[in-house]
Protein backbone atom coordinates (compact mmCIF):
# COMPACT_ATOMS: atom_id res chain seq x y z
CA MET A 1 -13.39 -52.81 28.30
CA THR A 2 -14.23 -52.11 31.59
CA ALA A 3 -12.72 -52.61 34.90
CA SER A 4 -15.04 -55.32 36.02
CA THR A 5 -14.30 -57.27 32.75
CA LEU A 6 -10.47 -56.72 33.07
CA ALA A 7 -10.41 -58.60 36.40
CA ARG A 8 -13.03 -61.50 35.63
CA PRO A 9 -10.84 -64.60 34.16
CA ARG A 10 -11.73 -66.26 31.17
CA SER A 11 -14.17 -69.46 31.07
CA ASP A 12 -14.25 -71.97 29.22
CA ALA A 13 -16.97 -70.50 27.25
CA ALA A 14 -15.61 -67.36 26.69
CA ALA A 15 -12.82 -69.46 24.73
CA PRO A 16 -12.58 -68.84 20.74
CA ALA A 17 -14.63 -71.30 19.21
CA GLY A 18 -12.65 -72.81 16.80
CA ARG A 19 -9.64 -73.12 18.51
CA PRO A 20 -8.82 -75.89 21.53
CA ARG A 21 -7.25 -74.92 24.64
CA ARG A 22 -4.26 -76.04 25.13
CA ARG A 23 -3.11 -77.45 27.94
CA LEU A 24 0.27 -78.06 29.84
CA THR A 25 1.19 -81.64 29.52
CA PRO A 26 3.97 -83.42 28.87
CA ARG A 27 3.97 -84.04 25.19
CA ARG A 28 5.47 -86.94 23.34
CA PRO A 29 8.98 -87.58 24.22
CA ILE A 30 11.59 -86.96 21.25
CA PRO A 31 13.15 -90.04 20.37
CA PHE A 32 17.15 -90.70 21.63
CA GLY A 33 16.35 -87.18 23.26
CA ALA A 34 18.41 -88.23 26.49
CA ALA A 35 21.43 -88.97 24.49
CA ILE A 36 21.16 -85.80 22.32
CA GLY A 37 23.03 -83.59 25.13
CA PRO A 38 25.88 -85.79 25.38
CA THR A 39 26.26 -86.43 21.58
CA LEU A 40 26.72 -83.04 21.14
CA LEU A 41 28.96 -82.04 23.74
CA LEU A 42 31.22 -84.71 22.74
CA ALA A 43 30.87 -83.27 18.99
CA VAL A 44 31.81 -80.06 20.20
CA TRP A 45 34.68 -81.40 22.58
CA ALA A 46 36.48 -83.69 19.72
CA ALA A 47 35.83 -80.11 17.03
CA GLY A 48 37.21 -77.97 19.50
CA SER A 49 40.16 -80.33 20.15
CA ALA A 50 40.56 -81.02 15.83
CA THR A 51 40.87 -78.14 15.38
CA GLY A 52 42.98 -76.38 18.67
CA TRP A 53 40.72 -74.33 20.31
CA ILE A 54 40.84 -76.51 23.24
CA ASP A 55 43.91 -76.44 24.90
CA PRO A 56 45.86 -80.10 24.80
CA ARG A 57 47.30 -79.02 28.62
CA THR A 58 43.89 -77.82 29.68
CA LEU A 59 41.28 -80.52 28.47
CA SER A 60 43.03 -83.41 26.58
CA ALA A 61 41.20 -84.80 22.88
CA PRO A 62 38.43 -87.50 23.62
CA TRP A 63 40.50 -89.78 21.28
CA THR A 64 43.35 -89.26 23.82
CA VAL A 65 41.18 -89.93 27.13
CA VAL A 66 40.17 -92.82 25.14
CA THR A 67 43.35 -94.61 24.25
CA THR A 68 44.56 -93.85 27.60
CA ALA A 69 41.67 -95.38 29.90
CA GLY A 70 42.15 -98.40 27.46
CA ASP A 71 46.01 -98.86 28.56
CA LEU A 72 45.40 -98.02 32.07
CA ILE A 73 42.27 -101.00 31.97
CA ALA A 74 45.20 -103.36 30.19
CA ASP A 75 47.73 -102.92 33.05
CA GLY A 76 44.72 -103.32 35.19
CA ARG A 77 45.62 -99.45 36.78
CA LEU A 78 42.75 -97.87 36.46
CA GLN A 79 40.36 -100.53 38.58
CA ALA A 80 43.02 -100.79 41.64
CA ASN A 81 43.05 -96.87 41.62
CA LEU A 82 38.97 -96.86 41.53
CA ALA A 83 39.04 -99.11 44.27
CA ILE A 84 41.50 -96.86 46.23
CA SER A 85 39.07 -93.69 45.29
CA ALA A 86 35.86 -95.23 46.00
CA GLN A 87 37.50 -96.55 49.41
CA ARG A 88 38.61 -92.73 50.58
CA ALA A 89 35.30 -91.36 49.40
CA GLY A 90 33.43 -93.71 51.72
CA LEU A 91 36.02 -93.61 54.42
CA GLY A 92 35.54 -89.52 53.87
CA LEU A 93 31.47 -90.61 53.80
CA ALA A 94 31.62 -92.35 57.23
CA ILE A 95 34.21 -89.83 59.05
CA GLY A 96 31.61 -86.94 58.21
CA THR A 97 28.60 -88.44 59.10
CA ALA A 98 29.81 -89.96 62.43
CA VAL A 99 31.43 -86.68 63.56
CA GLY A 100 28.51 -84.29 61.68
CA THR A 101 25.70 -86.41 63.93
CA VAL A 102 27.91 -86.30 67.28
CA LEU A 103 28.25 -82.72 66.97
CA ALA A 104 24.39 -82.11 65.78
CA VAL A 105 23.23 -84.57 68.77
CA LEU A 106 25.84 -82.37 70.84
CA ALA A 107 23.76 -78.93 69.89
CA GLY A 108 20.32 -80.22 69.96
CA LEU A 109 20.82 -81.74 73.86
CA SER A 110 23.09 -79.54 75.44
CA ARG A 111 23.22 -75.68 75.99
CA TRP A 112 26.62 -75.45 76.28
CA GLY A 113 27.03 -77.76 72.78
CA GLU A 114 24.64 -75.04 71.52
CA ALA A 115 26.72 -71.79 72.77
CA ILE A 116 29.55 -73.23 71.58
CA LEU A 117 28.80 -75.03 68.22
CA ASP A 118 25.37 -72.99 66.89
CA GLY A 119 27.53 -69.50 66.44
CA PRO A 120 30.02 -70.74 64.20
CA VAL A 121 27.71 -72.80 62.15
CA GLN A 122 25.48 -69.45 61.83
CA ILE A 123 28.29 -67.52 60.91
CA LYS A 124 29.01 -70.17 57.67
CA ARG A 125 25.34 -69.36 56.69
CA ALA A 126 25.56 -66.07 56.56
CA ILE A 127 28.69 -66.29 54.19
CA ARG A 128 27.14 -66.81 50.57
CA PRO A 129 28.91 -69.53 49.01
CA SER A 130 31.34 -69.28 46.11
CA ARG A 131 30.22 -69.27 42.25
């Protein structure tokens, strides 16, 4: 083979005669494919808890989680705690959005704002995120 032959891409005419070209297209979906991962995770969790590989102080067994959730729902404590957690998350989102918007406008429209705020932002950007 020469260098010019190696550099040329193969055309459709140069493809082997008996074999059709395979295209990178989505195939038929796997039946219940979205459930395979969570089901496998639950199976590993249950097997690890039953055999003692997973310390119950680190991660409770799935049956313990289900019975405790049932007890909390029956008492009404789960609903109340979920409502309080959602309220706190919403309040934090609102405060963060308001403060971030004010600081962004200040830094974008004022030279003093940019001088004061841009330095710490650039320092934070230079720090590698922890994993």
